[in-house]
């Protein structure tokens, strides 16, 4: 088994904390809590380093707020001091764990992301259907309340099998234990370390799918994942095995309303787009939400962001609607 030899001292070194700070402040310089931290940056970094080295570091509380993206989500924001540590941990551990992840895992990784996942979905569909010469069946799965369901003990055991430094493992345990939805469960949306921990946790499923189930056509983005095959019965047989593994090894469950097996021909909803054999279109609810947001706040930067997203599919009509709506509202 490949082991992570990154030491505790490397992670908490003043050099790593300073480099992590430069990454952390990108786009955050105007935030009041960040500005307050910057007023005494040297002392703050020195004190954080000292507390970590002498074992006095205690993770702070979280600030809770809700967003609609598009459904309501609970975000928990750590203090600047703690977020700086999260960045320091991530920048040292991510390069190692990235080497363990399968190529078809796409969330929160350098050089990947949602657009790459969408492109991979299309490529898998073409390979499965042999360029639309055979029927492509898709098994679409979704984890029920994933971030709230991550089991701390299981996550720590996974990390323990890879991390060689006892002090570093203890530090990771303190970060994991700083938040819980219920006893021993949950990681917060909003932490950079949560993105890493989520991928480490779900990598167990990825490895099971590839090494035990030997499923060739599989892709995952966060807690959404798909299997493809020209054999429907094979996917049907795969589903209970996946459910059993999630339940038994990761204490997770599939969302009962978001699991289905269907052909690609009538369209498969994955990552906000409805995919067809030759094209993909934006989900209707997403179109409505975009137009509402532009109507409430006709900000050109937001429109440009939406247009960039829409450029990745067949969305000429909605792109023109957003452009026209922005022009009408901004000219008033």
C-alpha atoms as a PDB file:
ATOM      1  CA  UNK A   1       0.000   0.000   0.000  1.00  0.00           C
ATOM      2  CA  UNK A   2       1.262   3.435  -0.946  1.00  0.00           C
ATOM      3  CA  UNK A   3       1.907   5.554   2.153  1.00  0.00           C
ATOM      4  CA  UNK A   4       1.982   9.312   2.679  1.00  0.00           C
ATOM      5  CA  UNK A   5       5.332  10.316   4.182  1.00  0.00           C
ATOM      6  CA  UNK A   6       4.462  14.004   4.642  1.00  0.00           C
ATOM      7  CA  UNK A   7       5.396  14.940   8.203  1.00  0.00           C
ATOM      8  CA  UNK A   8       3.521  17.004  10.748  1.00  0.00           C
ATOM      9  CA  UNK A   9       6.408  19.472  10.798  1.00  0.00           C
ATOM     10  CA  UNK A  10       6.166  20.016   7.021  1.00  0.00           C
ATOM     11  CA  UNK A  11       2.470  20.840   7.251  1.00  0.00           C
ATOM     12  CA  UNK A  12       2.705  23.281  10.170  1.00  0.00           C
ATOM     13  CA  UNK A  13       5.996  24.922   9.203  1.00  0.00           C
ATOM     14  CA  UNK A  14       6.042  28.719   9.012  1.00  0.00           C
ATOM     15  CA  UNK A  15       7.068  28.441   5.358  1.00  0.00           C
ATOM     16  CA  UNK A  16       4.049  26.284   4.484  1.00  0.00           C
ATOM     17  CA  UNK A  17       1.688  28.506   6.480  1.00  0.00           C
ATOM     18  CA  UNK A  18       2.972  31.602   4.635  1.00  0.00           C
ATOM     19  CA  UNK A  19       2.606  29.949   1.250  1.00  0.00           C
ATOM     20  CA  UNK A  20      -0.865  28.739   2.229  1.00  0.00           C
ATOM     21  CA  UNK A  21      -1.757  32.324   3.176  1.00  0.00           C
ATOM     22  CA  UNK A  22      -0.880  33.563  -0.313  1.00  0.00           C
ATOM     23  CA  UNK A  23      -3.257  30.968  -1.769  1.00  0.00           C
ATOM     24  CA  UNK A  24      -5.958  31.639   0.788  1.00  0.00           C
ATOM     25  CA  UNK A  25      -6.243  35.417   0.302  1.00  0.00           C
ATOM     26  CA  UNK A  26      -6.910  35.261  -3.448  1.00  0.00           C
ATOM     27  CA  UNK A  27     -10.227  36.994  -3.938  1.00  0.00           C
ATOM     28  CA  UNK A  28     -10.687  37.570  -0.198  1.00  0.00           C
ATOM     29  CA  UNK A  29      -8.686  40.743   0.473  1.00  0.00           C
ATOM     30  CA  UNK A  30     -11.839  42.844   0.916  1.00  0.00           C
ATOM     31  CA  UNK A  31     -13.360  40.546   3.545  1.00  0.00           C
ATOM     32  CA  UNK A  32     -13.458  42.177   6.985  1.00  0.00           C
ATOM     33  CA  UNK A  33     -12.311  39.080   8.887  1.00  0.00           C
ATOM     34  CA  UNK A  34      -9.403  38.605   6.481  1.00  0.00           C
ATOM     35  CA  UNK A  35      -8.387  42.267   6.780  1.00  0.00           C
ATOM     36  CA  UNK A  36      -8.473  42.036  10.569  1.00  0.00           C
ATOM     37  CA  UNK A  37      -6.199  38.970  10.439  1.00  0.00           C
ATOM     38  CA  UNK A  38      -3.825  40.772   8.044  1.00  0.00           C
ATOM     39  CA  UNK A  39      -3.322  43.660  10.470  1.00  0.00           C
ATOM     40  CA  UNK A  40      -1.213  41.340  12.652  1.00  0.00           C
ATOM     41  CA  UNK A  41      -0.326  38.719  10.059  1.00  0.00           C
ATOM     42  CA  UNK A  42       3.189  38.008  11.306  1.00  0.00           C
ATOM     43  CA  UNK A  43       2.046  37.509  14.890  1.00  0.00           C
ATOM     44  CA  UNK A  44      -0.988  35.449  13.819  1.00  0.00           C
ATOM     45  CA  UNK A  45       1.120  33.053  11.744  1.00  0.00           C
ATOM     46  CA  UNK A  46       3.790  32.792  14.455  1.00  0.00           C
ATOM     47  CA  UNK A  47       1.188  32.115  17.163  1.00  0.00           C
ATOM     48  CA  UNK A  48      -0.601  29.503  15.011  1.00  0.00           C
ATOM     49  CA  UNK A  49       2.709  27.766  14.320  1.00  0.00           C
ATOM     50  CA  UNK A  50       3.635  27.815  18.019  1.00  0.00           C
ATOM     51  CA  UNK A  51       0.239  26.473  19.127  1.00  0.00           C
ATOM     52  CA  UNK A  52       0.458  23.659  16.589  1.00  0.00           C
ATOM     53  CA  UNK A  53       4.007  22.700  17.556  1.00  0.00           C
ATOM     54  CA  UNK A  54       3.410  22.699  21.315  1.00  0.00           C
ATOM     55  CA  UNK A  55       0.072  20.898  21.059  1.00  0.00           C
ATOM     56  CA  UNK A  56      -2.071  23.829  22.223  1.00  0.00           C
ATOM     57  CA  UNK A  57      -3.987  24.308  18.970  1.00  0.00           C
ATOM     58  CA  UNK A  58      -7.772  24.053  19.285  1.00  0.00           C
ATOM     59  CA  UNK A  59     -10.026  24.403  16.268  1.00  0.00           C
ATOM     60  CA  UNK A  60     -12.508  27.261  16.624  1.00  0.00           C
ATOM     61  CA  UNK A  61     -16.260  27.379  16.118  1.00  0.00           C
ATOM     62  CA  UNK A  62     -18.048  27.770  12.801  1.00  0.00           C
ATOM     63  CA  UNK A  63     -20.270  30.551  11.515  1.00  0.00           C
ATOM     64  CA  UNK A  64     -23.440  29.090  10.027  1.00  0.00           C
ATOM     65  CA  UNK A  65     -25.436  30.527   7.143  1.00  0.00           C
ATOM     66  CA  UNK A  66     -27.683  29.220   4.364  1.00  0.00           C
ATOM     67  CA  UNK A  67     -27.496  29.596   0.607  1.00  0.00           C
ATOM     68  CA  UNK A  68     -29.763  28.498  -2.226  1.00  0.00           C
ATOM     69  CA  UNK A  69     -27.661  26.796  -4.899  1.00  0.00           C
ATOM     70  CA  UNK A  70     -30.295  25.969  -6.144  1.00  0.00           C
ATOM     71  CA  UNK A  71     -31.691  24.068  -3.174  1.00  0.00           C
ATOM     72  CA  UNK A  72     -31.070  25.322   0.385  1.00  0.00           C
ATOM     73  CA  UNK A  73     -27.645  24.357   1.703  1.00  0.00           C
ATOM     74  CA  UNK A  74     -26.117  24.836   5.142  1.00  0.00           C
ATOM     75  CA  UNK A  75     -22.655  26.403   4.959  1.00  0.00           C
ATOM     76  CA  UNK A  76     -20.339  26.422   7.966  1.00  0.00           C
ATOM     77  CA  UNK A  77     -17.504  28.930   7.783  1.00  0.00           C
ATOM     78  CA  UNK A  78     -14.435  28.510   9.974  1.00  0.00           C
ATOM     79  CA  UNK A  79     -12.353  31.381  11.336  1.00  0.00           C
ATOM     80  CA  UNK A  80      -9.554  32.828   9.181  1.00  0.00           C
ATOM     81  CA  UNK A  81      -6.982  31.205  11.478  1.00  0.00           C
ATOM     82  CA  UNK A  82      -8.534  27.768  11.007  1.00  0.00           C
ATOM     83  CA  UNK A  83      -9.062  28.217   7.276  1.00  0.00           C
ATOM     84  CA  UNK A  84      -5.390  29.099   6.921  1.00  0.00           C
ATOM     85  CA  UNK A  85      -4.535  25.775   8.548  1.00  0.00           C
ATOM     86  CA  UNK A  86      -6.978  23.985   6.226  1.00  0.00           C
ATOM     87  CA  UNK A  87      -5.109  25.424   3.240  1.00  0.00           C
ATOM     88  CA  UNK A  88      -1.763  24.401   4.739  1.00  0.00           C
ATOM     89  CA  UNK A  89      -3.030  20.838   5.191  1.00  0.00           C
ATOM     90  CA  UNK A  90      -4.562  20.668   1.733  1.00  0.00           C
ATOM     91  CA  UNK A  91      -1.506  21.953  -0.154  1.00  0.00           C
ATOM     92  CA  UNK A  92       0.692  19.267   1.417  1.00  0.00           C
ATOM     93  CA  UNK A  93      -1.685  16.282   1.372  1.00  0.00           C
ATOM     94  CA  UNK A  94      -3.603  16.776  -1.873  1.00  0.00           C
ATOM     95  CA  UNK A  95      -0.605  15.977  -4.152  1.00  0.00           C
ATOM     96  CA  UNK A  96      -0.251  12.575  -2.471  1.00  0.00           C
ATOM     97  CA  UNK A  97      -3.918  11.616  -2.386  1.00  0.00           C
ATOM     98  CA  UNK A  98      -4.434  12.793  -5.979  1.00  0.00           C
ATOM     99  CA  UNK A  99      -2.146   9.952  -7.065  1.00  0.00           C
ATOM    100  CA  UNK A 100      -4.573   7.450  -5.495  1.00  0.00           C
ATOM    101  CA  UNK A 101      -7.735   8.750  -7.154  1.00  0.00           C
ATOM    102  CA  UNK A 102      -9.032   7.128 -10.319  1.00  0.00           C
ATOM    103  CA  UNK A 103      -8.971   9.153 -13.524  1.00  0.00           C
ATOM    104  CA  UNK A 104     -12.775   9.200 -13.671  1.00  0.00           C
ATOM    105  CA  UNK A 105     -13.169  11.053 -10.368  1.00  0.00           C
ATOM    106  CA  UNK A 106     -13.658  14.741 -11.202  1.00  0.00           C
ATOM    107  CA  UNK A 107     -14.724  16.898  -8.244  1.00  0.00           C
ATOM    108  CA  UNK A 108     -12.410  19.427  -6.575  1.00  0.00           C
ATOM    109  CA  UNK A 109      -9.231  18.317  -8.293  1.00  0.00           C
ATOM    110  CA  UNK A 110      -6.578  20.228 -10.195  1.00  0.00           C
ATOM    111  CA  UNK A 111      -7.142  20.065 -13.942  1.00  0.00           C
ATOM    112  CA  UNK A 112     -10.560  18.492 -13.579  1.00  0.00           C
ATOM    113  CA  UNK A 113     -13.972  19.833 -12.564  1.00  0.00           C
ATOM    114  CA  UNK A 114     -17.552  19.772 -13.808  1.00  0.00           C
ATOM    115  CA  UNK A 115     -16.809  20.542 -17.466  1.00  0.00           C
ATOM    116  CA  UNK A 116     -14.323  17.662 -17.659  1.00  0.00           C
ATOM    117  CA  UNK A 117     -16.909  15.399 -16.038  1.00  0.00           C
ATOM    118  CA  UNK A 118     -19.495  16.390 -18.654  1.00  0.00           C
ATOM    119  CA  UNK A 119     -17.023  15.697 -21.458  1.00  0.00           C
ATOM    120  CA  UNK A 120     -16.177  12.319 -19.941  1.00  0.00           C
ATOM    121  CA  UNK A 121     -19.872  11.440 -19.711  1.00  0.00           C
ATOM    122  CA  UNK A 122     -20.211  12.030 -23.451  1.00  0.00           C
ATOM    123  CA  UNK A 123     -17.097  10.001 -24.232  1.00  0.00           C
ATOM    124  CA  UNK A 124     -18.237   7.075 -22.077  1.00  0.00           C
ATOM    125  CA  UNK A 125     -21.623   7.159 -23.806  1.00  0.00           C
ATOM    126  CA  UNK A 126     -19.967   7.001 -27.235  1.00  0.00           C
ATOM    127  CA  UNK A 127     -17.741   4.098 -26.195  1.00  0.00           C
ATOM    128  CA  UNK A 128     -20.615   2.206 -24.583  1.00  0.00           C
ATOM    129  CA  UNK A 129     -22.917   2.669 -27.559  1.00  0.00           C
ATOM    130  CA  UNK A 130     -20.091   2.132 -30.061  1.00  0.00           C
ATOM    131  CA  UNK A 131     -20.861   5.500 -31.645  1.00  0.00           C
ATOM    132  CA  UNK A 132     -24.620   5.060 -31.261  1.00  0.00           C
ATOM    133  CA  UNK A 133     -24.694   1.643 -32.912  1.00  0.00           C
ATOM    134  CA  UNK A 134     -25.891  -0.069 -29.699  1.00  0.00           C
ATOM    135  CA  UNK A 135     -28.265   0.859 -26.887  1.00  0.00           C
ATOM    136  CA  UNK A 136     -26.533   2.713 -24.032  1.00  0.00           C
ATOM    137  CA  UNK A 137     -28.017   1.998 -20.608  1.00  0.00           C
ATOM    138  CA  UNK A 138     -27.175   4.382 -17.767  1.00  0.00           C
ATOM    139  CA  UNK A 139     -27.326   3.680 -14.040  1.00  0.00           C
ATOM    140  CA  UNK A 140     -27.413   7.056 -12.260  1.00  0.00           C
ATOM    141  CA  UNK A 141     -26.826   7.174  -8.484  1.00  0.00           C
ATOM    142  CA  UNK A 142     -26.756   9.857  -5.811  1.00  0.00           C
ATOM    143  CA  UNK A 143     -25.746   9.662  -2.142  1.00  0.00           C
ATOM    144  CA  UNK A 144     -28.361  10.715   0.379  1.00  0.00           C
ATOM    145  CA  UNK A 145     -27.109  13.740   2.417  1.00  0.00           C
ATOM    146  CA  UNK A 146     -23.487  12.897   1.702  1.00  0.00           C
ATOM    147  CA  UNK A 147     -21.603  15.616   3.614  1.00  0.00           C
ATOM    148  CA  UNK A 148     -23.856  15.219   6.639  1.00  0.00           C
ATOM    149  CA  UNK A 149     -23.395  11.429   6.596  1.00  0.00           C
ATOM    150  CA  UNK A 150     -19.611  11.061   6.437  1.00  0.00           C
ATOM    151  CA  UNK A 151     -18.625   8.918   9.411  1.00  0.00           C
ATOM    152  CA  UNK A 152     -15.691  10.366  11.361  1.00  0.00           C
ATOM    153  CA  UNK A 153     -14.373   7.017  12.591  1.00  0.00           C
ATOM    154  CA  UNK A 154     -14.409   5.506   9.101  1.00  0.00           C
ATOM    155  CA  UNK A 155     -12.716   8.577   7.607  1.00  0.00           C
ATOM    156  CA  UNK A 156      -9.999   8.520  10.287  1.00  0.00           C
ATOM    157  CA  UNK A 157      -9.410   4.792   9.666  1.00  0.00           C
ATOM    158  CA  UNK A 158      -8.976   5.452   5.936  1.00  0.00           C
ATOM    159  CA  UNK A 159      -6.481   8.223   6.695  1.00  0.00           C
ATOM    160  CA  UNK A 160      -4.692   6.083   9.286  1.00  0.00           C
ATOM    161  CA  UNK A 161      -3.982   3.480   6.608  1.00  0.00           C
ATOM    162  CA  UNK A 162      -2.113   6.102   4.575  1.00  0.00           C
ATOM    163  CA  UNK A 163      -0.663   8.713   6.967  1.00  0.00           C
ATOM    164  CA  UNK A 164       2.627   7.660   8.591  1.00  0.00           C
ATOM    165  CA  UNK A 165       2.984  10.617  10.980  1.00  0.00           C
ATOM    166  CA  UNK A 166       1.041  10.110  14.255  1.00  0.00           C
ATOM    167  CA  UNK A 167       1.040  13.849  15.004  1.00  0.00           C
ATOM    168  CA  UNK A 168      -0.278  14.678  11.554  1.00  0.00           C
ATOM    169  CA  UNK A 169      -3.025  12.095  11.954  1.00  0.00           C
ATOM    170  CA  UNK A 170      -3.950  13.631  15.327  1.00  0.00           C
ATOM    171  CA  UNK A 171      -4.154  17.055  13.680  1.00  0.00           C
ATOM    172  CA  UNK A 172      -6.459  15.699  10.962  1.00  0.00           C
ATOM    173  CA  UNK A 173      -8.615  14.076  13.648  1.00  0.00           C
ATOM    174  CA  UNK A 174      -8.971  17.431  15.409  1.00  0.00           C
ATOM    175  CA  UNK A 175     -10.066  19.103  12.158  1.00  0.00           C
ATOM    176  CA  UNK A 176     -12.542  16.315  11.406  1.00  0.00           C
ATOM    177  CA  UNK A 177     -13.873  16.364  14.957  1.00  0.00           C
ATOM    178  CA  UNK A 178     -14.352  20.147  14.932  1.00  0.00           C
ATOM    179  CA  UNK A 179     -17.740  19.711  13.263  1.00  0.00           C
ATOM    180  CA  UNK A 180     -20.583  17.216  13.412  1.00  0.00           C
ATOM    181  CA  UNK A 181     -24.205  17.110  12.318  1.00  0.00           C
ATOM    182  CA  UNK A 182     -24.937  14.340  14.776  1.00  0.00           C
ATOM    183  CA  UNK A 183     -22.586  12.353  17.006  1.00  0.00           C
ATOM    184  CA  UNK A 184     -19.513  11.346  15.005  1.00  0.00           C
ATOM    185  CA  UNK A 185     -20.959  12.233  11.607  1.00  0.00           C
ATOM    186  CA  UNK A 186     -20.690  15.071   9.106  1.00  0.00           C
ATOM    187  CA  UNK A 187     -18.096  17.307   7.489  1.00  0.00           C
ATOM    188  CA  UNK A 188     -18.852  20.992   6.786  1.00  0.00           C
ATOM    189  CA  UNK A 189     -19.638  22.432   3.397  1.00  0.00           C
ATOM    190  CA  UNK A 190     -17.221  25.335   3.079  1.00  0.00           C
ATOM    191  CA  UNK A 191     -13.967  23.811   4.339  1.00  0.00           C
ATOM    192  CA  UNK A 192     -11.185  23.224   1.823  1.00  0.00           C
ATOM    193  CA  UNK A 193     -10.220  20.143   3.808  1.00  0.00           C
ATOM    194  CA  UNK A 194     -13.785  18.844   3.415  1.00  0.00           C
ATOM    195  CA  UNK A 195     -13.249  18.682  -0.343  1.00  0.00           C
ATOM    196  CA  UNK A 196     -10.148  16.567   0.182  1.00  0.00           C
ATOM    197  CA  UNK A 197     -11.790  14.372   2.825  1.00  0.00           C
ATOM    198  CA  UNK A 198     -14.827  13.832   0.579  1.00  0.00           C
ATOM    199  CA  UNK A 199     -12.634  12.575  -2.253  1.00  0.00           C
ATOM    200  CA  UNK A 200     -10.600  10.384   0.090  1.00  0.00           C
ATOM    201  CA  UNK A 201     -13.826   8.911   1.485  1.00  0.00           C
ATOM    202  CA  UNK A 202     -15.474   8.308  -1.896  1.00  0.00           C
ATOM    203  CA  UNK A 203     -12.255   6.930  -3.362  1.00  0.00           C
ATOM    204  CA  UNK A 204     -13.092   3.780  -1.408  1.00  0.00           C
ATOM    205  CA  UNK A 205     -16.191   3.395  -3.591  1.00  0.00           C
ATOM    206  CA  UNK A 206     -14.214   4.198  -6.754  1.00  0.00           C
ATOM    207  CA  UNK A 207     -11.684   1.479  -5.971  1.00  0.00           C
ATOM    208  CA  UNK A 208     -14.456  -1.020  -5.198  1.00  0.00           C
ATOM    209  CA  UNK A 209     -16.171  -0.256  -8.511  1.00  0.00           C
ATOM    210  CA  UNK A 210     -12.964  -0.637 -10.511  1.00  0.00           C
ATOM    211  CA  UNK A 211     -11.204  -3.472  -8.667  1.00  0.00           C
ATOM    212  CA  UNK A 212     -14.093  -5.599  -7.372  1.00  0.00           C
ATOM    213  CA  UNK A 213     -16.970  -4.920  -9.742  1.00  0.00           C
ATOM    214  CA  UNK A 214     -14.648  -4.331 -12.723  1.00  0.00           C
ATOM    215  CA  UNK A 215     -16.985  -1.697 -14.141  1.00  0.00           C
ATOM    216  CA  UNK A 216     -15.226  -0.040 -17.045  1.00  0.00           C
ATOM    217  CA  UNK A 217     -17.643   2.760 -17.869  1.00  0.00           C
ATOM    218  CA  UNK A 218     -18.020   4.705 -14.626  1.00  0.00           C
ATOM    219  CA  UNK A 219     -17.587   8.360 -13.648  1.00  0.00           C
ATOM    220  CA  UNK A 220     -18.107  10.293 -10.419  1.00  0.00           C
ATOM    221  CA  UNK A 221     -18.422  13.949  -9.513  1.00  0.00           C
ATOM    222  CA  UNK A 222     -18.713  14.435  -5.723  1.00  0.00           C
ATOM    223  CA  UNK A 223     -21.635  12.230  -4.650  1.00  0.00           C
ATOM    224  CA  UNK A 224     -23.172  11.904  -8.146  1.00  0.00           C
ATOM    225  CA  UNK A 225     -21.975   8.937 -10.178  1.00  0.00           C
ATOM    226  CA  UNK A 226     -22.970   6.975 -13.254  1.00  0.00           C
ATOM    227  CA  UNK A 227     -22.379   3.544 -14.741  1.00  0.00           C
ATOM    228  CA  UNK A 228     -22.897   2.781 -18.425  1.00  0.00           C
ATOM    229  CA  UNK A 229     -23.353  -0.501 -20.247  1.00  0.00           C
ATOM    230  CA  UNK A 230     -25.112  -2.000 -23.238  1.00  0.00           C
ATOM    231  CA  UNK A 231     -26.325  -4.704 -20.825  1.00  0.00           C
ATOM    232  CA  UNK A 232     -29.212  -3.571 -18.602  1.00  0.00           C
ATOM    233  CA  UNK A 233     -29.145  -6.714 -16.457  1.00  0.00           C
ATOM    234  CA  UNK A 234     -25.489  -6.100 -15.642  1.00  0.00           C
ATOM    235  CA  UNK A 235     -26.338  -2.674 -14.260  1.00  0.00           C
ATOM    236  CA  UNK A 236     -29.289  -4.117 -12.344  1.00  0.00           C
ATOM    237  CA  UNK A 237     -26.988  -6.661 -10.727  1.00  0.00           C
ATOM    238  CA  UNK A 238     -24.436  -3.962  -9.941  1.00  0.00           C
ATOM    239  CA  UNK A 239     -26.853  -1.693  -8.058  1.00  0.00           C
ATOM    240  CA  UNK A 240     -27.425  -3.846  -4.918  1.00  0.00           C
ATOM    241  CA  UNK A 241     -23.679  -4.488  -4.649  1.00  0.00           C
ATOM    242  CA  UNK A 242     -22.955  -0.768  -4.713  1.00  0.00           C
ATOM    243  CA  UNK A 243     -25.702  -0.109  -2.154  1.00  0.00           C
ATOM    244  CA  UNK A 244     -24.357  -2.842   0.125  1.00  0.00           C
ATOM    245  CA  UNK A 245     -20.800  -1.521  -0.090  1.00  0.00           C
ATOM    246  CA  UNK A 246     -21.882   2.030   0.677  1.00  0.00           C
ATOM    247  CA  UNK A 247     -23.935   0.891   3.644  1.00  0.00           C
ATOM    248  CA  UNK A 248     -21.440  -1.609   5.034  1.00  0.00           C
ATOM    249  CA  UNK A 249     -18.089   0.091   4.418  1.00  0.00           C
ATOM    250  CA  UNK A 250     -18.916   3.811   4.358  1.00  0.00           C
ATOM    251  CA  UNK A 251     -22.166   4.110   6.358  1.00  0.00           C
ATOM    252  CA  UNK A 252     -23.804   5.862   3.402  1.00  0.00           C
ATOM    253  CA  UNK A 253     -27.064   5.250   1.581  1.00  0.00           C
ATOM    254  CA  UNK A 254     -28.327   5.914  -1.925  1.00  0.00           C
ATOM    255  CA  UNK A 255     -31.006   8.554  -2.376  1.00  0.00           C
ATOM    256  CA  UNK A 256     -34.190   6.550  -3.117  1.00  0.00           C
ATOM    257  CA  UNK A 257     -35.580   9.222  -5.452  1.00  0.00           C
ATOM    258  CA  UNK A 258     -32.386   9.817  -7.430  1.00  0.00           C
ATOM    259  CA  UNK A 259     -31.398   6.330  -8.549  1.00  0.00           C
ATOM    260  CA  UNK A 260     -32.555   5.033 -11.934  1.00  0.00           C
ATOM    261  CA  UNK A 261     -31.618   2.880 -14.900  1.00  0.00           C
ATOM    262  CA  UNK A 262     -32.644   4.167 -18.320  1.00  0.00           C
ATOM    263  CA  UNK A 263     -31.400   4.461 -21.870  1.00  0.00           C
ATOM    264  CA  UNK A 264     -29.576   7.544 -23.053  1.00  0.00           C
ATOM    265  CA  UNK A 265     -31.996   8.120 -25.962  1.00  0.00           C
ATOM    266  CA  UNK A 266     -34.765   9.967 -24.009  1.00  0.00           C
ATOM    267  CA  UNK A 267     -32.182  12.013 -22.078  1.00  0.00           C
ATOM    268  CA  UNK A 268     -30.279  11.455 -18.818  1.00  0.00           C
ATOM    269  CA  UNK A 269     -30.000  14.222 -16.219  1.00  0.00           C
ATOM    270  CA  UNK A 270     -26.428  14.472 -14.897  1.00  0.00           C
ATOM    271  CA  UNK A 271     -24.729  17.501 -13.304  1.00  0.00           C
ATOM    272  CA  UNK A 272     -27.394  20.000 -14.344  1.00  0.00           C
ATOM    273  CA  UNK A 273     -27.554  18.975 -17.996  1.00  0.00           C
ATOM    274  CA  UNK A 274     -29.856  16.552 -19.800  1.00  0.00           C
ATOM    275  CA  UNK A 275     -27.682  14.364 -22.011  1.00  0.00           C
ATOM    276  CA  UNK A 276     -28.799  12.844 -25.329  1.00  0.00           C
ATOM    277  CA  UNK A 277     -26.837  10.704 -27.806  1.00  0.00           C
ATOM    278  CA  UNK A 278     -25.728  13.688 -29.922  1.00  0.00           C
ATOM    279  CA  UNK A 279     -26.084  16.728 -27.652  1.00  0.00           C
ATOM    280  CA  UNK A 280     -26.961  18.012 -24.189  1.00  0.00           C
ATOM    281  CA  UNK A 281     -29.355  20.720 -23.054  1.00  0.00           C
ATOM    282  CA  UNK A 282     -29.630  22.654 -19.833  1.00  0.00           C
ATOM    283  CA  UNK A 283     -32.068  21.419 -17.229  1.00  0.00           C
ATOM    284  CA  UNK A 284     -35.338  23.421 -17.370  1.00  0.00           C
ATOM    285  CA  UNK A 285     -35.184  24.362 -13.689  1.00  0.00           C
ATOM    286  CA  UNK A 286     -31.676  25.735 -14.214  1.00  0.00           C
ATOM    287  CA  UNK A 287     -32.855  27.912 -17.122  1.00  0.00           C
ATOM    288  CA  UNK A 288     -35.654  29.376 -14.991  1.00  0.00           C
ATOM    289  CA  UNK A 289     -33.276  30.036 -12.095  1.00  0.00           C
ATOM    290  CA  UNK A 290     -30.771  31.814 -14.335  1.00  0.00           C
ATOM    291  CA  UNK A 291     -33.394  34.158 -15.785  1.00  0.00           C
ATOM    292  CA  UNK A 292     -34.748  34.943 -12.308  1.00  0.00           C
ATOM    293  CA  UNK A 293     -31.293  35.798 -10.975  1.00  0.00           C
ATOM    294  CA  UNK A 294     -30.486  38.065 -13.915  1.00  0.00           C
ATOM    295  CA  UNK A 295     -33.890  39.704 -13.455  1.00  0.00           C
ATOM    296  CA  UNK A 296     -33.258  40.356  -9.760  1.00  0.00           C
ATOM    297  CA  UNK A 297     -29.690  41.583 -10.265  1.00  0.00           C
ATOM    298  CA  UNK A 298     -28.678  42.461 -13.847  1.00  0.00           C
ATOM    299  CA  UNK A 299     -24.945  42.199 -13.174  1.00  0.00           C
ATOM    300  CA  UNK A 300     -22.802  41.843 -16.299  1.00  0.00           C
ATOM    301  CA  UNK A 301     -20.242  39.676 -14.529  1.00  0.00           C
ATOM    302  CA  UNK A 302     -22.949  37.182 -13.543  1.00  0.00           C
ATOM    303  CA  UNK A 303     -24.263  37.117 -17.096  1.00  0.00           C
ATOM    304  CA  UNK A 304     -20.769  36.445 -18.454  1.00  0.00           C
ATOM    305  CA  UNK A 305     -20.398  33.605 -15.951  1.00  0.00           C
ATOM    306  CA  UNK A 306     -23.683  32.063 -17.105  1.00  0.00           C
ATOM    307  CA  UNK A 307     -22.699  32.444 -20.770  1.00  0.00           C
ATOM    308  CA  UNK A 308     -19.453  30.622 -20.052  1.00  0.00           C
ATOM    309  CA  UNK A 309     -21.394  27.761 -18.494  1.00  0.00           C
ATOM    310  CA  UNK A 310     -23.885  27.665 -21.356  1.00  0.00           C
ATOM    311  CA  UNK A 311     -21.102  27.453 -23.933  1.00  0.00           C
ATOM    312  CA  UNK A 312     -20.569  23.840 -22.890  1.00  0.00           C
ATOM    313  CA  UNK A 313     -23.866  22.621 -24.332  1.00  0.00           C
ATOM    314  CA  UNK A 314     -26.661  23.285 -26.794  1.00  0.00           C
ATOM    315  CA  UNK A 315     -27.906  26.480 -25.189  1.00  0.00           C
ATOM    316  CA  UNK A 316     -27.916  29.156 -27.891  1.00  0.00           C
ATOM    317  CA  UNK A 317     -31.540  30.098 -27.181  1.00  0.00           C
ATOM    318  CA  UNK A 318     -31.180  30.628 -23.443  1.00  0.00           C
ATOM    319  CA  UNK A 319     -27.868  32.473 -24.022  1.00  0.00           C
ATOM    320  CA  UNK A 320     -29.642  34.955 -26.281  1.00  0.00           C
ATOM    321  CA  UNK A 321     -32.484  35.334 -23.766  1.00  0.00           C
ATOM    322  CA  UNK A 322     -30.052  36.184 -20.969  1.00  0.00           C
ATOM    323  CA  UNK A 323     -28.175  38.662 -23.174  1.00  0.00           C
ATOM    324  CA  UNK A 324     -31.419  40.388 -24.185  1.00  0.00           C
ATOM    325  CA  UNK A 325     -32.783  40.397 -20.635  1.00  0.00           C
ATOM    326  CA  UNK A 326     -29.595  41.978 -19.307  1.00  0.00           C
ATOM    327  CA  UNK A 327     -29.604  44.600 -22.085  1.00  0.00           C
ATOM    328  CA  UNK A 328     -33.221  45.549 -21.406  1.00  0.00           C
ATOM    329  CA  UNK A 329     -32.779  45.810 -17.644  1.00  0.00           C
ATOM    330  CA  UNK A 330     -29.426  47.621 -17.756  1.00  0.00           C
ATOM    331  CA  UNK A 331     -30.698  50.202 -20.256  1.00  0.00           C
ATOM    332  CA  UNK A 332     -33.511  51.364 -17.992  1.00  0.00           C
END
